[in-house]
Amino acid sequence: MWGTDDEIDREFNSVCRTIWGYTLDDFDADRIPKEDHDWLDELTGRGAYRYAAEKGYDLGDYANGEIVSDWWGFVWMILAEVRGLLTPEQRALAWKKHDERLLTREKVVGVIRTDCFGR
């Protein structure tokens, strides 16, 4: 067993912060062109491995002789990097959009954000 979904998400985010300084939550996926979304929807593990290698990343899981289990999420991060979305400005826009969505909820009166990752 790999752990709970929360544990897996925390580990994935930790790896992303180590590599890029950002996570999937730190950019707006709507900023990625539709063609990229379509490509991601059709992506296979083999295609992901090849794409990552072309961009200088290795998705191999050599302990198990396979590809890393969250290859799709890592390709999202690589694509966001390629599209220039991993910047402080894009992070601020993504979180602003997220906060605005939260504030439309009936019982939400404010959003308090802390920097719990030492950034």
N, C-alpha and C. Protein backbone atom coordinates (compact mmCIF):
# COMPACT_ATOMS: atom_id res chain seq x y z
N MET A 1 0.85 -1.19 0.00
CA MET A 1 0.00 0.00 0.00
C MET A 1 0.88 1.24 0.00
N TRP A 2 0.51 2.24 -0.80
CA TRP A 2 1.31 3.45 -0.95
C TRP A 2 0.96 4.52 0.07
N GLY A 3 -0.17 4.43 0.72
CA GLY A 3 -0.60 5.45 1.67
C GLY A 3 -1.96 5.99 1.26
N THR A 4 -2.45 6.91 2.09
CA THR A 4 -3.74 7.54 1.79
C THR A 4 -3.57 8.53 0.65
N ASP A 5 -4.69 8.97 0.09
CA ASP A 5 -4.63 9.98 -0.97
C ASP A 5 -3.94 11.24 -0.48
N ASP A 6 -4.24 11.64 0.76
CA ASP A 6 -3.60 12.85 1.32
C ASP A 6 -2.09 12.67 1.45
N GLU A 7 -1.66 11.50 1.89
CA GLU A 7 -0.23 11.24 2.02
C GLU A 7 0.46 11.25 0.65
N ILE A 8 -0.19 10.65 -0.34
CA ILE A 8 0.37 10.63 -1.69
C ILE A 8 0.44 12.05 -2.25
N ASP A 9 -0.63 12.84 -2.06
CA ASP A 9 -0.64 14.23 -2.52
C ASP A 9 0.46 15.05 -1.85
N ARG A 10 0.62 14.87 -0.54
CA ARG A 10 1.67 15.62 0.18
C ARG A 10 3.05 15.26 -0.35
N GLU A 11 3.29 13.99 -0.60
CA GLU A 11 4.59 13.56 -1.12
C GLU A 11 4.82 14.10 -2.54
N PHE A 12 3.79 14.01 -3.38
CA PHE A 12 3.89 14.54 -4.75
C PHE A 12 4.20 16.03 -4.70
N ASN A 13 3.46 16.78 -3.87
CA ASN A 13 3.69 18.22 -3.75
C ASN A 13 5.08 18.52 -3.22
N SER A 14 5.54 17.71 -2.29
CA SER A 14 6.89 17.90 -1.75
C SER A 14 7.95 17.73 -2.84
N VAL A 15 7.77 16.72 -3.66
CA VAL A 15 8.72 16.49 -4.78
C VAL A 15 8.65 17.65 -5.76
N CYS A 16 7.45 18.10 -6.09
CA CYS A 16 7.30 19.23 -7.02
C CYS A 16 7.96 20.49 -6.47
N ARG A 17 7.75 20.76 -5.18
CA ARG A 17 8.38 21.94 -4.58
C ARG A 17 9.89 21.82 -4.60
N THR A 18 10.41 20.61 -4.41
CA THR A 18 11.86 20.40 -4.44
C THR A 18 12.42 20.64 -5.84
N ILE A 19 11.72 20.15 -6.85
CA ILE A 19 12.21 20.28 -8.23
C ILE A 19 11.97 21.67 -8.79
N TRP A 20 10.73 22.17 -8.68
CA TRP A 20 10.34 23.41 -9.35
C TRP A 20 10.10 24.59 -8.42
N GLY A 21 9.85 24.30 -7.13
CA GLY A 21 9.46 25.38 -6.22
C GLY A 21 7.97 25.70 -6.32
N TYR A 22 7.23 24.89 -7.05
CA TYR A 22 5.81 25.08 -7.28
C TYR A 22 5.10 23.73 -7.25
N THR A 23 3.75 23.78 -7.14
CA THR A 23 2.94 22.57 -7.22
C THR A 23 1.85 22.78 -8.27
N LEU A 24 1.05 21.78 -8.49
CA LEU A 24 -0.06 21.89 -9.43
C LEU A 24 -1.04 23.00 -9.03
N ASP A 25 -1.12 23.30 -7.75
CA ASP A 25 -2.04 24.35 -7.27
C ASP A 25 -1.52 25.75 -7.55
N ASP A 26 -0.27 25.86 -7.95
CA ASP A 26 0.37 27.17 -8.10
C ASP A 26 0.28 27.75 -9.50
N PHE A 27 -0.47 27.13 -10.38
CA PHE A 27 -0.72 27.72 -11.69
C PHE A 27 -2.14 27.38 -12.12
N ASP A 28 -2.66 28.19 -12.99
CA ASP A 28 -4.03 28.04 -13.48
C ASP A 28 -4.01 27.16 -14.73
N ALA A 29 -4.55 25.96 -14.63
CA ALA A 29 -4.56 25.03 -15.76
C ALA A 29 -5.31 25.59 -16.97
N ASP A 30 -6.18 26.57 -16.73
CA ASP A 30 -6.89 27.21 -17.84
C ASP A 30 -5.94 28.03 -18.72
N ARG A 31 -4.74 28.31 -18.21
CA ARG A 31 -3.75 29.06 -18.99
C ARG A 31 -3.00 28.17 -19.98
N ILE A 32 -3.20 26.86 -19.85
CA ILE A 32 -2.58 25.92 -20.79
C ILE A 32 -3.52 25.78 -21.99
N PRO A 33 -3.00 25.91 -23.21
CA PRO A 33 -3.86 25.85 -24.41
C PRO A 33 -4.65 24.55 -24.51
N LYS A 34 -5.82 24.64 -25.15
CA LYS A 34 -6.69 23.48 -25.34
C LYS A 34 -5.95 22.33 -26.01
N GLU A 35 -5.09 22.63 -26.98
CA GLU A 35 -4.35 21.57 -27.67
C GLU A 35 -3.50 20.77 -26.67
N ASP A 36 -2.93 21.47 -25.69
CA ASP A 36 -2.14 20.78 -24.66
C ASP A 36 -3.03 19.90 -23.79
N HIS A 37 -4.20 20.42 -23.43
CA HIS A 37 -5.14 19.61 -22.63
C HIS A 37 -5.53 18.35 -23.40
N ASP A 38 -5.82 18.51 -24.69
CA ASP A 38 -6.18 17.36 -25.52
C ASP A 38 -5.03 16.36 -25.57
N TRP A 39 -3.82 16.86 -25.74
CA TRP A 39 -2.64 16.01 -25.78
C TRP A 39 -2.47 15.27 -24.45
N LEU A 40 -2.65 15.98 -23.34
CA LEU A 40 -2.54 15.35 -22.02
C LEU A 40 -3.60 14.27 -21.83
N ASP A 41 -4.81 14.51 -22.34
CA ASP A 41 -5.89 13.52 -22.20
C ASP A 41 -5.57 12.22 -22.93
N GLU A 42 -4.79 12.29 -23.97
CA GLU A 42 -4.44 11.11 -24.77
C GLU A 42 -3.08 10.51 -24.39
N LEU A 43 -2.38 11.15 -23.48
CA LEU A 43 -1.01 10.76 -23.15
C LEU A 43 -0.93 9.38 -22.50
N THR A 44 0.05 8.62 -22.91
CA THR A 44 0.32 7.31 -22.31
C THR A 44 1.60 7.42 -21.49
N GLY A 45 1.85 6.41 -20.70
CA GLY A 45 3.08 6.38 -19.92
C GLY A 45 4.32 6.47 -20.79
N ARG A 46 4.32 5.75 -21.88
CA ARG A 46 5.46 5.77 -22.81
C ARG A 46 5.66 7.17 -23.40
N GLY A 47 4.55 7.81 -23.80
CA GLY A 47 4.62 9.16 -24.34
C GLY A 47 5.10 10.15 -23.29
N ALA A 48 4.64 9.98 -22.06
CA ALA A 48 5.06 10.85 -20.96
C ALA A 48 6.56 10.71 -20.71
N TYR A 49 7.02 9.48 -20.70
CA TYR A 49 8.45 9.23 -20.48
C TYR A 49 9.28 9.91 -21.56
N ARG A 50 8.86 9.77 -22.79
CA ARG A 50 9.57 10.37 -23.93
C ARG A 50 9.56 11.90 -23.84
N TYR A 51 8.39 12.47 -23.57
CA TYR A 51 8.26 13.93 -23.47
C TYR A 51 9.15 14.47 -22.35
N ALA A 52 9.09 13.83 -21.19
CA ALA A 52 9.90 14.27 -20.06
C ALA A 52 11.39 14.21 -20.41
N ALA A 53 11.81 13.14 -21.03
CA ALA A 53 13.22 12.99 -21.41
C ALA A 53 13.64 14.10 -22.37
N GLU A 54 12.77 14.45 -23.31
CA GLU A 54 13.08 15.54 -24.25
C GLU A 54 13.27 16.87 -23.53
N LYS A 55 12.62 17.02 -22.37
CA LYS A 55 12.71 18.26 -21.59
C LYS A 55 13.75 18.16 -20.48
N GLY A 56 14.48 17.05 -20.42
CA GLY A 56 15.55 16.91 -19.44
C GLY A 56 15.16 16.25 -18.13
N TYR A 57 14.02 15.58 -18.09
CA TYR A 57 13.55 14.92 -16.87
C TYR A 57 13.49 13.41 -17.09
N ASP A 58 13.70 12.67 -16.02
CA ASP A 58 13.68 11.21 -16.08
C ASP A 58 12.54 10.71 -15.19
N LEU A 59 11.55 10.10 -15.79
CA LEU A 59 10.40 9.58 -15.03
C LEU A 59 10.53 8.10 -14.71
N GLY A 60 11.73 7.57 -14.84
CA GLY A 60 11.92 6.16 -14.56
C GLY A 60 11.86 5.85 -13.08
N ASP A 61 11.22 4.76 -12.74
CA ASP A 61 11.18 4.23 -11.38
C ASP A 61 12.06 2.98 -11.40
N TYR A 62 13.33 3.17 -11.20
CA TYR A 62 14.30 2.08 -11.41
C TYR A 62 14.22 1.01 -10.34
N ALA A 63 13.65 1.33 -9.19
CA ALA A 63 13.48 0.31 -8.15
C ALA A 63 12.48 -0.75 -8.60
N ASN A 64 11.51 -0.33 -9.39
CA ASN A 64 10.46 -1.24 -9.84
C ASN A 64 10.55 -1.54 -11.34
N GLY A 65 11.52 -0.97 -12.02
CA GLY A 65 11.66 -1.21 -13.45
C GLY A 65 10.53 -0.64 -14.28
N GLU A 66 9.91 0.43 -13.81
CA GLU A 66 8.77 1.02 -14.48
C GLU A 66 8.92 2.54 -14.54
N ILE A 67 7.80 3.22 -14.80
CA ILE A 67 7.73 4.67 -14.77
C ILE A 67 7.16 5.08 -13.42
N VAL A 68 7.49 6.28 -12.93
CA VAL A 68 6.97 6.73 -11.64
C VAL A 68 5.44 6.71 -11.68
N SER A 69 4.84 6.45 -10.55
CA SER A 69 3.39 6.24 -10.51
C SER A 69 2.60 7.49 -10.88
N ASP A 70 3.08 8.67 -10.57
CA ASP A 70 2.33 9.89 -10.87
C ASP A 70 2.93 10.62 -12.07
N TRP A 71 3.24 9.85 -13.11
CA TRP A 71 3.86 10.43 -14.30
C TRP A 71 3.00 11.51 -14.92
N TRP A 72 1.69 11.35 -14.88
CA TRP A 72 0.79 12.33 -15.49
C TRP A 72 0.92 13.68 -14.79
N GLY A 73 0.94 13.68 -13.47
CA GLY A 73 1.09 14.92 -12.71
C GLY A 73 2.42 15.59 -12.99
N PHE A 74 3.49 14.79 -13.09
CA PHE A 74 4.79 15.36 -13.39
C PHE A 74 4.83 15.97 -14.79
N VAL A 75 4.14 15.35 -15.73
CA VAL A 75 4.09 15.94 -17.08
C VAL A 75 3.34 17.26 -17.05
N TRP A 76 2.27 17.37 -16.24
CA TRP A 76 1.59 18.65 -16.07
C TRP A 76 2.59 19.71 -15.60
N MET A 77 3.42 19.35 -14.63
CA MET A 77 4.39 20.32 -14.10
C MET A 77 5.41 20.70 -15.16
N ILE A 78 5.90 19.73 -15.91
CA ILE A 78 6.87 20.02 -16.96
C ILE A 78 6.24 20.92 -18.01
N LEU A 79 5.01 20.63 -18.39
CA LEU A 79 4.32 21.44 -19.38
C LEU A 79 4.10 22.86 -18.86
N ALA A 80 3.72 22.99 -17.60
CA ALA A 80 3.55 24.32 -17.01
C ALA A 80 4.87 25.09 -17.03
N GLU A 81 5.96 24.40 -16.77
CA GLU A 81 7.27 25.04 -16.84
C GLU A 81 7.56 25.51 -18.27
N VAL A 82 7.34 24.63 -19.24
CA VAL A 82 7.57 24.96 -20.64
C VAL A 82 6.71 26.15 -21.08
N ARG A 83 5.48 26.22 -20.60
CA ARG A 83 4.57 27.31 -20.98
C ARG A 83 4.79 28.58 -20.17
N GLY A 84 5.78 28.57 -19.27
CA GLY A 84 6.11 29.77 -18.51
C GLY A 84 5.14 30.09 -17.38
N LEU A 85 4.47 29.08 -16.86
CA LEU A 85 3.46 29.30 -15.82
C LEU A 85 4.00 29.18 -14.40
N LEU A 86 5.24 28.78 -14.25
CA LEU A 86 5.79 28.60 -12.90
C LEU A 86 6.58 29.85 -12.52
N THR A 87 5.83 30.91 -12.24
CA THR A 87 6.41 32.19 -11.84
C THR A 87 5.64 32.71 -10.64
N PRO A 88 6.25 33.60 -9.87
CA PRO A 88 5.51 34.19 -8.75
C PRO A 88 4.23 34.91 -9.21
N GLU A 89 4.27 35.55 -10.36
CA GLU A 89 3.10 36.26 -10.86
C GLU A 89 1.97 35.29 -11.20
N GLN A 90 2.32 34.19 -11.86
CA GLN A 90 1.30 33.20 -12.21
C GLN A 90 0.75 32.51 -10.97
N ARG A 91 1.62 32.30 -9.97
CA ARG A 91 1.16 31.72 -8.70
C ARG A 91 0.13 32.65 -8.07
N ALA A 92 0.43 33.94 -8.01
CA ALA A 92 -0.49 34.91 -7.41
C ALA A 92 -1.82 34.93 -8.15
N LEU A 93 -1.79 34.90 -9.47
CA LEU A 93 -3.03 34.89 -10.26
C LEU A 93 -3.84 33.62 -10.00
N ALA A 94 -3.17 32.48 -9.93
CA ALA A 94 -3.86 31.21 -9.69
C ALA A 94 -4.53 31.21 -8.32
N TRP A 95 -3.82 31.66 -7.30
CA TRP A 95 -4.40 31.66 -5.95
C TRP A 95 -5.49 32.72 -5.82
N LYS A 96 -5.36 33.83 -6.54
CA LYS A 96 -6.42 34.85 -6.54
C LYS A 96 -7.70 34.24 -7.12
N LYS A 97 -7.56 33.54 -8.23
CA LYS A 97 -8.72 32.89 -8.86
C LYS A 97 -9.34 31.85 -7.92
N HIS A 98 -8.48 31.07 -7.26
CA HIS A 98 -8.96 30.06 -6.31
C HIS A 98 -9.70 30.74 -5.15
N ASP A 99 -9.11 31.80 -4.61
CA ASP A 99 -9.74 32.51 -3.49
C ASP A 99 -11.09 33.10 -3.91
N GLU A 100 -11.15 33.66 -5.12
CA GLU A 100 -12.41 34.23 -5.60
C GLU A 100 -13.49 33.17 -5.70
N ARG A 101 -13.13 31.96 -6.13
CA ARG A 101 -14.11 30.86 -6.18
C ARG A 101 -14.59 30.51 -4.77
N LEU A 102 -13.66 30.48 -3.82
CA LEU A 102 -14.05 30.18 -2.45
C LEU A 102 -15.01 31.23 -1.89
N LEU A 103 -14.76 32.49 -2.22
CA LEU A 103 -15.56 33.57 -1.66
C LEU A 103 -16.98 33.61 -2.23
N THR A 104 -17.25 32.87 -3.29
CA THR A 104 -18.61 32.80 -3.81
C THR A 104 -19.47 31.82 -3.02
N ARG A 105 -18.84 31.02 -2.19
CA ARG A 105 -19.59 30.06 -1.38
C ARG A 105 -20.33 30.80 -0.27
N GLU A 106 -21.50 30.29 0.04
CA GLU A 106 -22.40 30.97 0.97
C GLU A 106 -21.78 31.24 2.35
N LYS A 107 -21.07 30.28 2.90
CA LYS A 107 -20.59 30.43 4.28
C LYS A 107 -19.13 30.87 4.38
N VAL A 108 -18.52 31.24 3.29
CA VAL A 108 -17.14 31.71 3.31
C VAL A 108 -17.14 33.23 3.35
N VAL A 109 -16.49 33.80 4.37
CA VAL A 109 -16.43 35.26 4.49
C VAL A 109 -15.03 35.79 4.24
N GLY A 110 -14.05 34.92 4.23
CA GLY A 110 -12.68 35.36 3.98
C GLY A 110 -11.78 34.16 3.78
N VAL A 111 -10.60 34.42 3.24
CA VAL A 111 -9.60 33.38 3.00
C VAL A 111 -8.32 33.84 3.67
N ILE A 112 -7.78 33.00 4.52
CA ILE A 112 -6.50 33.28 5.18
C ILE A 112 -5.47 32.33 4.59
N ARG A 113 -4.44 32.88 4.02
CA ARG A 113 -3.40 32.07 3.40
C ARG A 113 -2.11 32.28 4.17
N THR A 114 -1.45 31.18 4.50
CA THR A 114 -0.16 31.26 5.16
C THR A 114 0.87 30.57 4.30
N ASP A 115 2.10 30.89 4.52
CA ASP A 115 3.19 30.27 3.77
C ASP A 115 3.80 29.21 4.66
N CYS A 116 3.22 28.01 4.59
CA CYS A 116 3.65 26.93 5.47
C CYS A 116 4.79 26.12 4.85
N PHE A 117 5.31 26.54 3.70
CA PHE A 117 6.35 25.79 3.03
C PHE A 117 7.69 26.50 3.05
N GLY A 118 7.79 27.58 3.81
CA GLY A 118 9.06 28.27 3.94
C GLY A 118 9.46 29.08 2.72
N ARG A 119 8.48 29.45 1.90
CA ARG A 119 8.81 30.28 0.73
C ARG A 119 8.62 31.72 1.07
